[in-house]
C-alpha atoms as a PDB file:
ATOM      1  CA  MET A   1     -75.575  91.266-119.363  1.00  0.00           C
ATOM      2  CA  ARG A   2     -78.510  92.686-121.513  1.00  0.00           C
ATOM      3  CA  ARG A   3     -78.123  92.440-125.018  1.00  0.00           C
ATOM      4  CA  ALA A   4     -77.936  95.266-127.376  1.00  0.00           C
ATOM      5  CA  PRO A   5     -80.725  95.644-130.085  1.00  0.00           C
ATOM      6  CA  GLU A   6     -79.700  93.768-133.187  1.00  0.00           C
ATOM      7  CA  SER A   7     -80.742  96.703-135.454  1.00  0.00           C
ATOM      8  CA  LEU A   8     -78.325  99.209-133.611  1.00  0.00           C
ATOM      9  CA  LEU A   9     -75.163 100.082-135.439  1.00  0.00           C
ATOM     10  CA  VAL A  10     -73.237 102.741-133.486  1.00  0.00           C
ATOM     11  CA  ALA A  11     -70.234 104.906-134.110  1.00  0.00           C
ATOM     12  CA  PHE A  12     -68.065 106.463-131.226  1.00  0.00           C
ATOM     13  CA  ASP A  13     -67.284 110.029-132.147  1.00  0.00           C
ATOM     14  CA  GLY A  14     -65.047 111.529-129.389  1.00  0.00           C
ATOM     15  CA  ASP A  15     -67.454 111.370-126.309  1.00  0.00           C
ATOM     16  CA  ARG A  16     -70.587 110.674-128.292  1.00  0.00           C
ATOM     17  CA  LEU A  17     -72.231 107.502-129.225  1.00  0.00           C
ATOM     18  CA  LEU A  18     -74.216 107.700-132.495  1.00  0.00           C
ATOM     19  CA  ASP A  19     -76.919 105.634-133.893  1.00  0.00           C
ATOM     20  CA  LEU A  20     -75.936 105.180-137.471  1.00  0.00           C
ATOM     21  CA  ARG A  21     -78.997 103.287-138.641  1.00  0.00           C
ATOM     22  CA  ALA A  22     -81.465 105.973-137.198  1.00  0.00           C
ATOM     23  CA  ALA A  23     -79.893 108.268-139.864  1.00  0.00           C
ATOM     24  CA  ALA A  24     -79.504 105.665-142.587  1.00  0.00           C
ATOM     25  CA  PRO A  25     -81.883 102.810-142.178  1.00  0.00           C
ATOM     26  CA  GLU A  26     -80.830 101.271-145.262  1.00  0.00           C
ATOM     27  CA  LEU A  27     -77.512 100.368-143.771  1.00  0.00           C
ATOM     28  CA  PRO A  28     -77.097  96.623-142.717  1.00  0.00           C
ATOM     29  CA  THR A  29     -77.504  95.706-139.061  1.00  0.00           C
ATOM     30  CA  THR A  30     -73.878  94.345-138.644  1.00  0.00           C
ATOM     31  CA  LEU A  31     -70.512  95.883-139.328  1.00  0.00           C
ATOM     32  CA  ARG A  32     -69.388  92.637-141.156  1.00  0.00           C
ATOM     33  CA  GLU A  33     -72.242  93.284-143.725  1.00  0.00           C
ATOM     34  CA  VAL A  34     -71.398  96.971-144.065  1.00  0.00           C
ATOM     35  CA  LEU A  35     -67.627  96.124-144.913  1.00  0.00           C
ATOM     36  CA  ARG A  36     -68.913  93.984-147.810  1.00  0.00           C
ATOM     37  CA  GLN A  37     -70.272  97.142-149.522  1.00  0.00           C
ATOM     38  CA  ASP A  38     -68.295  99.511-151.743  1.00  0.00           C
ATOM     39  CA  GLY A  39     -67.570 103.008-150.288  1.00  0.00           C
ATOM     40  CA  TRP A  40     -68.533 101.716-146.716  1.00  0.00           C
ATOM     41  CA  GLN A  41     -66.399 104.301-144.967  1.00  0.00           C
ATOM     42  CA  GLU A  42     -67.963 107.313-146.866  1.00  0.00           C
ATOM     43  CA  ARG A  43     -71.443 105.839-146.127  1.00  0.00           C
ATOM     44  CA  LEU A  44     -70.830 105.603-142.487  1.00  0.00           C
ATOM     45  CA  GLY A  45     -69.263 109.073-142.349  1.00  0.00           C
ATOM     46  CA  ARG A  46     -72.317 110.607-144.001  1.00  0.00           C
ATOM     47  CA  ALA A  47     -74.651 108.622-141.503  1.00  0.00           C
ATOM     48  CA  ALA A  48     -72.621 109.881-138.541  1.00  0.00           C
ATOM     49  CA  GLU A  49     -73.063 113.581-139.634  1.00  0.00           C
ATOM     50  CA  ALA A  50     -76.862 113.148-139.142  1.00  0.00           C
ATOM     51  CA  ALA A  51     -77.038 110.409-136.551  1.00  0.00           C
ATOM     52  CA  PRO A  52     -78.643 111.046-133.072  1.00  0.00           C
ATOM     53  CA  GLU A  53     -76.787 110.360-129.963  1.00  0.00           C
ATOM     54  CA  VAL A  54     -77.625 107.184-127.799  1.00  0.00           C
ATOM     55  CA  PRO A  55     -76.919 106.496-124.225  1.00  0.00           C
ATOM     56  CA  TRP A  56     -73.437 105.253-123.266  1.00  0.00           C
ATOM     57  CA  GLU A  57     -74.302 101.788-121.847  1.00  0.00           C
ATOM     58  CA  PRO A  58     -70.876  99.841-122.323  1.00  0.00           C
ATOM     59  CA  GLU A  59     -72.566  96.555-121.123  1.00  0.00           C
ATOM     60  CA  LEU A  60     -74.681  96.512-124.199  1.00  0.00           C
ATOM     61  CA  LEU A  61     -71.792  96.693-126.577  1.00  0.00           C
ATOM     62  CA  LEU A  62     -71.260  93.715-128.742  1.00  0.00           C
ATOM     63  CA  PRO A  63     -67.817  92.895-130.466  1.00  0.00           C
ATOM     64  CA  PRO A  64     -67.353  95.157-133.403  1.00  0.00           C
ATOM     65  CA  ILE A  65     -67.766  92.143-135.571  1.00  0.00           C
ATOM     66  CA  PRO A  66     -69.985  89.495-133.788  1.00  0.00           C
ATOM     67  CA  ASP A  67     -70.254  87.245-136.666  1.00  0.00           C
ATOM     68  CA  PRO A  68     -66.847  86.887-138.123  1.00  0.00           C
ATOM     69  CA  GLY A  69     -66.295  84.407-140.987  1.00  0.00           C
ATOM     70  CA  LYS A  70     -62.892  83.709-139.589  1.00  0.00           C
ATOM     71  CA  VAL A  71     -60.966  84.499-136.446  1.00  0.00           C
ATOM     72  CA  LEU A  72     -57.284  83.860-136.886  1.00  0.00           C
ATOM     73  CA  CYS A  73     -54.896  84.251-134.076  1.00  0.00           C
ATOM     74  CA  ILE A  74     -50.914  84.405-134.347  1.00  0.00           C
ATOM     75  CA  GLY A  75     -48.958  82.444-131.726  1.00  0.00           C
ATOM     76  CA  ARG A  76     -45.627  83.411-130.396  1.00  0.00           C
ATOM     77  CA  ASN A  77     -45.205  86.453-132.401  1.00  0.00           C
ATOM     78  CA  TYR A  78     -43.075  88.557-129.902  1.00  0.00           C
ATOM     79  CA  ALA A  79     -39.505  87.049-129.408  1.00  0.00           C
ATOM     80  CA  ALA A  80     -39.609  87.770-125.681  1.00  0.00           C
ATOM     81  CA  HIS A  81     -42.910  86.011-125.316  1.00  0.00           C
ATOM     82  CA  ALA A  82     -41.650  83.013-127.171  1.00  0.00           C
ATOM     83  CA  LYS A  83     -38.670  82.918-124.893  1.00  0.00           C
ATOM     84  CA  GLU A  84     -40.655  83.013-121.554  1.00  0.00           C
ATOM     85  CA  LEU A  85     -42.451  79.903-122.945  1.00  0.00           C
ATOM     86  CA  GLY A  86     -39.160  78.116-123.465  1.00  0.00           C
ATOM     87  CA  HIS A  87     -38.679  78.687-127.146  1.00  0.00           C
ATOM     88  CA  ALA A  88     -35.388  80.246-128.210  1.00  0.00           C
ATOM     89  CA  THR A  89     -36.495  81.297-131.572  1.00  0.00           C
ATOM     90  CA  VAL A  90     -39.630  82.300-133.400  1.00  0.00           C
ATOM     91  CA  ASP A  91     -40.714  80.262-136.502  1.00  0.00           C
ATOM     92  CA  GLU A  92     -39.736  81.565-139.962  1.00  0.00           C
ATOM     93  CA  ARG A  93     -43.525  81.273-140.737  1.00  0.00           C
ATOM     94  CA  PRO A  94     -46.245  82.614-138.669  1.00  0.00           C
ATOM     95  CA  GLU A  95     -47.919  80.174-136.395  1.00  0.00           C
ATOM     96  CA  VAL A  96     -51.789  80.459-137.039  1.00  0.00           C
ATOM     97  CA  PHE A  97     -54.554  78.979-134.988  1.00  0.00           C
ATOM     98  CA  VAL A  98     -58.408  79.486-135.247  1.00  0.00           C
ATOM     99  CA  ARG A  99     -60.807  80.668-132.674  1.00  0.00           C
ATOM    100  CA  THR A 100     -64.555  79.881-133.112  1.00  0.00           C
ATOM    101  CA  ARG A 101     -67.172  82.713-133.149  1.00  0.00           C
ATOM    102  CA  THR A 102     -68.659  81.327-129.820  1.00  0.00           C
ATOM    103  CA  SER A 103     -65.343  81.908-128.131  1.00  0.00           C
ATOM    104  CA  LEU A 104     -65.642  85.657-128.728  1.00  0.00           C
ATOM    105  CA  ALA A 105     -66.702  87.943-125.870  1.00  0.00           C
ATOM    106  CA  SER A 106     -68.106  91.521-125.837  1.00  0.00           C
ATOM    107  CA  PRO A 107     -65.724  94.372-124.663  1.00  0.00           C
ATOM    108  CA  TYR A 108     -67.305  94.658-121.212  1.00  0.00           C
ATOM    109  CA  GLN A 109     -68.530  91.051-120.975  1.00  0.00           C
ATOM    110  CA  GLU A 110     -67.957  88.840-117.803  1.00  0.00           C
ATOM    111  CA  ILE A 111     -65.533  86.158-118.478  1.00  0.00           C
ATOM    112  CA  ALA A 112     -66.225  82.743-116.621  1.00  0.00           C
ATOM    113  CA  ARG A 113     -63.298  80.828-115.097  1.00  0.00           C
ATOM    114  CA  PRO A 114     -64.325  77.414-116.316  1.00  0.00           C
ATOM    115  CA  ARG A 115     -65.211  74.838-113.615  1.00  0.00           C
ATOM    116  CA  VAL A 116     -62.894  72.356-115.116  1.00  0.00           C
ATOM    117  CA  SER A 117     -59.795  74.540-114.759  1.00  0.00           C
ATOM    118  CA  GLU A 118     -57.979  77.134-112.708  1.00  0.00           C
ATOM    119  CA  GLN A 119     -55.308  78.000-115.306  1.00  0.00           C
ATOM    120  CA  LEU A 120     -57.097  81.106-117.048  1.00  0.00           C
ATOM    121  CA  ASP A 121     -54.525  83.183-118.535  1.00  0.00           C
ATOM    122  CA  TYR A 122     -54.464  86.692-120.276  1.00  0.00           C
ATOM    123  CA  GLU A 123     -52.956  87.697-123.564  1.00  0.00           C
ATOM    124  CA  VAL A 124     -53.536  91.389-124.711  1.00  0.00           C
ATOM    125  CA  GLU A 125     -53.125  91.757-128.577  1.00  0.00           C
ATOM    126  CA  LEU A 126     -53.546  94.134-131.590  1.00  0.00           C
ATOM    127  CA  ALA A 127     -56.288  92.681-133.803  1.00  0.00           C
ATOM    128  CA  PHE A 128     -57.057  93.949-137.261  1.00  0.00           C
ATOM    129  CA  VAL A 129     -60.121  93.435-139.282  1.00  0.00           C
ATOM    130  CA  ILE A 130     -60.331  92.774-143.069  1.00  0.00           C
ATOM    131  CA  GLY A 131     -62.169  95.159-145.253  1.00  0.00           C
ATOM    132  CA  ARG A 132     -61.370  93.950-148.664  1.00  0.00           C
ATOM    133  CA  ALA A 133     -61.305  90.386-149.820  1.00  0.00           C
ATOM    134  CA  GLY A 134     -58.146  88.870-151.219  1.00  0.00           C
ATOM    135  CA  ARG A 135     -56.235  85.760-152.055  1.00  0.00           C
ATOM    136  CA  HIS A 136     -52.455  85.746-152.837  1.00  0.00           C
ATOM    137  CA  VAL A 137     -52.190  89.187-151.690  1.00  0.00           C
ATOM    138  CA  ALA A 138     -48.653  90.593-151.930  1.00  0.00           C
ATOM    139  CA  ALA A 139     -47.120  92.120-148.862  1.00  0.00           C
ATOM    140  CA  ALA A 140     -46.751  95.516-150.621  1.00  0.00           C
ATOM    141  CA  ASP A 141     -50.500  95.620-151.253  1.00  0.00           C
ATOM    142  CA  ALA A 142     -51.657  94.069-147.956  1.00  0.00           C
ATOM    143  CA  MET A 143     -52.407  97.157-145.993  1.00  0.00           C
ATOM    144  CA  ARG A 144     -55.068  98.088-148.494  1.00  0.00           C
ATOM    145  CA  HIS A 145     -57.130  95.166-147.213  1.00  0.00           C
ATOM    146  CA  VAL A 146     -57.155  96.365-143.631  1.00  0.00           C
ATOM    147  CA  ALA A 147     -60.516  98.065-142.606  1.00  0.00           C
ATOM    148  CA  GLY A 148     -59.340  98.915-139.062  1.00  0.00           C
ATOM    149  CA  TYR A 149     -57.947  97.811-135.617  1.00  0.00           C
ATOM    150  CA  CYS A 150     -59.294  96.666-132.292  1.00  0.00           C
ATOM    151  CA  VAL A 151     -57.957  95.521-128.962  1.00  0.00           C
ATOM    152  CA  PHE A 152     -58.167  91.751-128.439  1.00  0.00           C
ATOM    153  CA  ASN A 153     -57.408  89.478-125.414  1.00  0.00           C
ATOM    154  CA  ASP A 154     -56.830  85.987-126.229  1.00  0.00           C
ATOM    155  CA  VAL A 155     -57.710  84.558-122.882  1.00  0.00           C
ATOM    156  CA  SER A 156     -56.469  80.957-122.617  1.00  0.00           C
ATOM    157  CA  VAL A 157     -57.130  77.932-120.496  1.00  0.00           C
ATOM    158  CA  ARG A 158     -53.609  76.488-120.288  1.00  0.00           C
ATOM    159  CA  ASP A 159     -53.934  72.979-119.152  1.00  0.00           C
ATOM    160  CA  TYR A 160     -56.551  72.422-121.877  1.00  0.00           C
ATOM    161  CA  GLN A 161     -54.237  74.123-124.439  1.00  0.00           C
ATOM    162  CA  LEU A 162     -50.964  72.395-123.604  1.00  0.00           C
ATOM    163  CA  THR A 163     -52.039  68.830-123.161  1.00  0.00           C
ATOM    164  CA  ARG A 164     -52.025  68.276-126.987  1.00  0.00           C
ATOM    165  CA  GLU A 165     -49.861  69.685-129.772  1.00  0.00           C
ATOM    166  CA  GLN A 166     -53.132  71.300-131.160  1.00  0.00           C
ATOM    167  CA  TRP A 167     -54.112  74.250-129.120  1.00  0.00           C
ATOM    168  CA  THR A 168     -57.888  74.202-130.141  1.00  0.00           C
ATOM    169  CA  ALA A 169     -59.506  73.335-126.853  1.00  0.00           C
ATOM    170  CA  GLY A 170     -57.672  75.767-124.625  1.00  0.00           C
ATOM    171  CA  LYS A 171     -58.262  78.619-127.024  1.00  0.00           C
ATOM    172  CA  ASN A 172     -61.892  78.161-127.523  1.00  0.00           C
ATOM    173  CA  PHE A 173     -63.764  78.050-124.306  1.00  0.00           C
ATOM    174  CA  ASP A 174     -67.190  79.881-124.730  1.00  0.00           C
ATOM    175  CA  GLY A 175     -66.902  83.609-124.228  1.00  0.00           C
ATOM    176  CA  THR A 176     -63.006  83.898-123.591  1.00  0.00           C
ATOM    177  CA  ALA A 177     -61.864  86.295-126.150  1.00  0.00           C
ATOM    178  CA  PRO A 178     -63.093  89.802-125.725  1.00  0.00           C
ATOM    179  CA  PHE A 179     -62.445  92.413-128.388  1.00  0.00           C
ATOM    180  CA  GLY A 180     -63.301  95.789-129.220  1.00  0.00           C
ATOM    181  CA  PRO A 181     -64.506  98.233-127.963  1.00  0.00           C
ATOM    182  CA  PHE A 182     -64.920  99.633-131.387  1.00  0.00           C
ATOM    183  CA  LEU A 183     -63.307  99.255-134.867  1.00  0.00           C
ATOM    184  CA  VAL A 184     -60.891 102.171-135.281  1.00  0.00           C
ATOM    185  CA  THR A 185     -60.724 102.637-139.098  1.00  0.00           C
ATOM    186  CA  ALA A 186     -57.132 102.400-140.679  1.00  0.00           C
ATOM    187  CA  ASP A 187     -57.064 105.950-141.486  1.00  0.00           C
ATOM    188  CA  GLU A 188     -57.183 106.857-137.770  1.00  0.00           C
ATOM    189  CA  VAL A 189     -54.113 104.773-137.135  1.00  0.00           C
ATOM    190  CA  PRO A 190     -50.988 106.184-138.570  1.00  0.00           C
ATOM    191  CA  ASP A 191     -48.760 103.302-137.659  1.00  0.00           C
ATOM    192  CA  PRO A 192     -50.250 100.073-136.277  1.00  0.00           C
ATOM    193  CA  HIS A 193     -46.622  98.851-135.716  1.00  0.00           C
ATOM    194  CA  ASP A 194     -45.956 101.600-133.151  1.00  0.00           C
ATOM    195  CA  LEU A 195     -48.553 101.314-130.566  1.00  0.00           C
ATOM    196  CA  GLU A 196     -48.176 100.484-126.738  1.00  0.00           C
ATOM    197  CA  LEU A 197     -50.311  97.723-125.524  1.00  0.00           C
ATOM    198  CA  SER A 198     -50.933  96.486-121.987  1.00  0.00           C
ATOM    199  CA  THR A 199     -52.675  94.283-119.399  1.00  0.00           C
ATOM    200  CA  THR A 200     -53.748  95.427-115.986  1.00  0.00           C
ATOM    201  CA  VAL A 201     -55.758  93.690-113.427  1.00  0.00           C
ATOM    202  CA  GLU A 202     -57.946  95.311-110.801  1.00  0.00           C
ATOM    203  CA  LEU A 203     -57.766  93.104-107.850  1.00  0.00           C
ATOM    204  CA  ALA A 204     -60.731  91.804-105.873  1.00  0.00           C
ATOM    205  CA  GLY A 205     -59.533  93.290-102.747  1.00  0.00           C
ATOM    206  CA  GLY A 206     -58.551  96.590-104.327  1.00  0.00           C
ATOM    207  CA  GLY A 207     -55.547  98.208-106.074  1.00  0.00           C
ATOM    208  CA  GLU A 208     -54.219  97.118-109.542  1.00  0.00           C
ATOM    209  CA  GLU A 209     -51.565  95.003-110.903  1.00  0.00           C
ATOM    210  CA  GLU A 210     -49.781  95.615-114.267  1.00  0.00           C
ATOM    211  CA  LEU A 211     -48.978  92.333-116.014  1.00  0.00           C
ATOM    212  CA  GLN A 212     -48.026  93.271-119.645  1.00  0.00           C
ATOM    213  CA  ARG A 213     -46.666  96.283-121.341  1.00  0.00           C
ATOM    214  CA  SER A 214     -45.051  96.338-124.677  1.00  0.00           C
ATOM    215  CA  ARG A 215     -45.024  97.894-128.023  1.00  0.00           C
ATOM    216  CA  THR A 216     -46.286  96.418-131.505  1.00  0.00           C
ATOM    217  CA  SER A 217     -42.927  97.633-132.827  1.00  0.00           C
ATOM    218  CA  LEU A 218     -41.617  94.387-131.396  1.00  0.00           C
ATOM    219  CA  LEU A 219     -43.897  92.082-133.468  1.00  0.00           C
ATOM    220  CA  VAL A 220     -41.939  89.385-135.342  1.00  0.00           C
ATOM    221  CA  HIS A 221     -44.347  88.981-138.222  1.00  0.00           C
ATOM    222  CA  ARG A 222     -45.885  92.258-138.966  1.00  0.00           C
ATOM    223  CA  ILE A 223     -49.338  92.871-140.716  1.00  0.00           C
ATOM    224  CA  PRO A 224     -48.238  92.781-144.420  1.00  0.00           C
ATOM    225  CA  GLU A 225     -46.354  89.514-143.959  1.00  0.00           C
ATOM    226  CA  LEU A 226     -49.353  88.021-141.975  1.00  0.00           C
ATOM    227  CA  ILE A 227     -51.806  88.845-144.650  1.00  0.00           C
ATOM    228  CA  ALA A 228     -49.435  87.599-147.399  1.00  0.00           C
ATOM    229  CA  TYR A 229     -48.924  84.319-145.680  1.00  0.00           C
ATOM    230  CA  ILE A 230     -52.552  83.754-144.733  1.00  0.00           C
ATOM    231  CA  THR A 231     -53.792  84.543-148.257  1.00  0.00           C
ATOM    232  CA  ASP A 232     -51.505  81.790-149.535  1.00  0.00           C
ATOM    233  CA  TRP A 233     -53.812  79.325-148.399  1.00  0.00           C
ATOM    234  CA  THR A 234     -57.122  80.956-147.697  1.00  0.00           C
ATOM    235  CA  THR A 235     -59.253  83.827-148.966  1.00  0.00           C
ATOM    236  CA  LEU A 236     -59.576  86.618-146.443  1.00  0.00           C
ATOM    237  CA  GLU A 237     -63.068  88.179-146.552  1.00  0.00           C
ATOM    238  CA  PRO A 238     -64.494  91.426-145.207  1.00  0.00           C
ATOM    239  CA  GLY A 239     -65.191  91.138-141.322  1.00  0.00           C
ATOM    240  CA  ASP A 240     -62.447  88.407-140.873  1.00  0.00           C
ATOM    241  CA  VAL A 241     -60.391  89.031-137.715  1.00  0.00           C
ATOM    242  CA  ILE A 242     -56.834  88.518-137.132  1.00  0.00           C
ATOM    243  CA  ALA A 243     -55.174  88.841-133.812  1.00  0.00           C
ATOM    244  CA  THR A 244     -51.434  89.601-134.043  1.00  0.00           C
ATOM    245  CA  GLY A 245     -50.096  87.904-130.834  1.00  0.00           C
ATOM    246  CA  THR A 246     -49.201  88.723-127.325  1.00  0.00           C
ATOM    247  CA  PRO A 247     -46.171  90.154-125.781  1.00  0.00           C
ATOM    248  CA  PRO A 248     -44.278  88.719-122.622  1.00  0.00           C
ATOM    249  CA  GLY A 249     -45.652  88.797-119.129  1.00  0.00           C
ATOM    250  CA  VAL A 250     -48.422  86.156-119.300  1.00  0.00           C
ATOM    251  CA  GLY A 251     -49.330  84.141-116.484  1.00  0.00           C
ATOM    252  CA  LEU A 252     -47.951  80.980-117.815  1.00  0.00           C
ATOM    253  CA  GLY A 253     -44.565  82.562-118.193  1.00  0.00           C
ATOM    254  CA  ARG A 254     -44.309  83.505-114.538  1.00  0.00           C
ATOM    255  CA  GLN A 255     -42.844  81.729-111.634  1.00  0.00           C
ATOM    256  CA  PRO A 256     -45.054  80.802-110.069  1.00  0.00           C
ATOM    257  CA  PRO A 257     -47.675  81.064-112.680  1.00  0.00           C
ATOM    258  CA  ARG A 258     -50.016  83.848-112.334  1.00  0.00           C
ATOM    259  CA  TRP A 259     -53.729  82.864-113.279  1.00  0.00           C
ATOM    260  CA  LEU A 260     -56.842  85.115-113.388  1.00  0.00           C
ATOM    261  CA  ARG A 261     -59.171  84.772-110.370  1.00  0.00           C
ATOM    262  CA  PRO A 262     -62.803  85.513-109.855  1.00  0.00           C
ATOM    263  CA  GLY A 263     -63.289  88.810-108.523  1.00  0.00           C
ATOM    264  CA  GLU A 264     -60.564  90.619-110.675  1.00  0.00           C
ATOM    265  CA  THR A 265     -61.263  92.830-113.705  1.00  0.00           C
ATOM    266  CA  LEU A 266     -59.033  92.242-116.669  1.00  0.00           C
ATOM    267  CA  ILE A 267     -58.237  95.654-118.577  1.00  0.00           C
ATOM    268  CA  SER A 268     -56.751  95.272-121.955  1.00  0.00           C
ATOM    269  CA  ARG A 269     -55.525  98.360-123.684  1.00  0.00           C
ATOM    270  CA  VAL A 270     -53.851  99.195-127.039  1.00  0.00           C
ATOM    271  CA  GLN A 271     -52.857 102.882-127.654  1.00  0.00           C
ATOM    272  CA  GLY A 272     -55.483 104.776-129.628  1.00  0.00           C
ATOM    273  CA  LEU A 273     -57.968 101.950-129.703  1.00  0.00           C
ATOM    274  CA  GLY A 274     -59.453 102.025-126.239  1.00  0.00           C
ATOM    275  CA  GLU A 275     -59.815  99.529-123.549  1.00  0.00           C
ATOM    276  CA  LEU A 276     -61.555  96.290-122.514  1.00  0.00           C
ATOM    277  CA  ARG A 277     -62.842  95.796-119.067  1.00  0.00           C
ATOM    278  CA  ASN A 278     -63.898  92.174-118.271  1.00  0.00           C
ATOM    279  CA  ARG A 279     -64.657  90.926-114.712  1.00  0.00           C
ATOM    280  CA  VAL A 280     -63.743  87.429-114.083  1.00  0.00           C
ATOM    281  CA  VAL A 281     -66.372  85.474-112.459  1.00  0.00           C
ATOM    282  CA  GLU A 282     -66.967  81.447-111.700  1.00  0.00           C
ATOM    283  CA  GLU A 283     -68.630  79.553-114.182  1.00  0.00           C
ATOM    284  CA  SER A 284     -72.201  79.105-113.393  1.00  0.00           C
ATOM    285  CA  PRO A 285     -73.314  75.454-112.675  1.00  0.00           C
END
């Protein structure tokens, strides 16, 4: 996969890809740094009005936030997903675990099935990105801290995840969490708690298999509650990413389990936010 130029900050406008820094070279090179500036949305809007188009080369896209300070993921946040994993109830407080920066993947990047496991699983999720720093944020004020939303897939290596009480290893294999394809700003998403999300796999031999389909209206712990709880114990900063959990239908919850296989393409969609397309390959020696 060729890498995108580090200086390229782009916006997607309908069917056009725009080079924002060509119109406003004073802009930072990463969206995380843009979000740290006051009036960032207005500045990007002005730049987009004068920005030239650039070719649509999806394989060059990086994650919208390639360098987040924190990536926090919410576990078992749909009741039906908790049930398929053998949990009768969802915890009163959100279950939070951490992903590392190196575990992230670009929206069209290949995902390697690791040589040490065949239990590669899929978990489509709605993710949101923080645009305003905060600690001890009240739920009533929480949505003011959201910059926008992305599609996320918390691809997991189940035997490494479930051999210990802590999930760190199985959730942090390099390049296993694609997200993007762009940050859709909060003003473009009227209700993040009423979006359809799905996982489909293009099979190696042809055809498709739908594996997940649900709605974010079924989230147990919603975004304001998540922000309020997380900021009880840590400061959320611009560019932090929070993935809200996956609905039922994961491979682990099926009988027999349904793992991702090399040659398949994982397609993750959230209504209004676009899709991720990630081909599964064998890990190189």
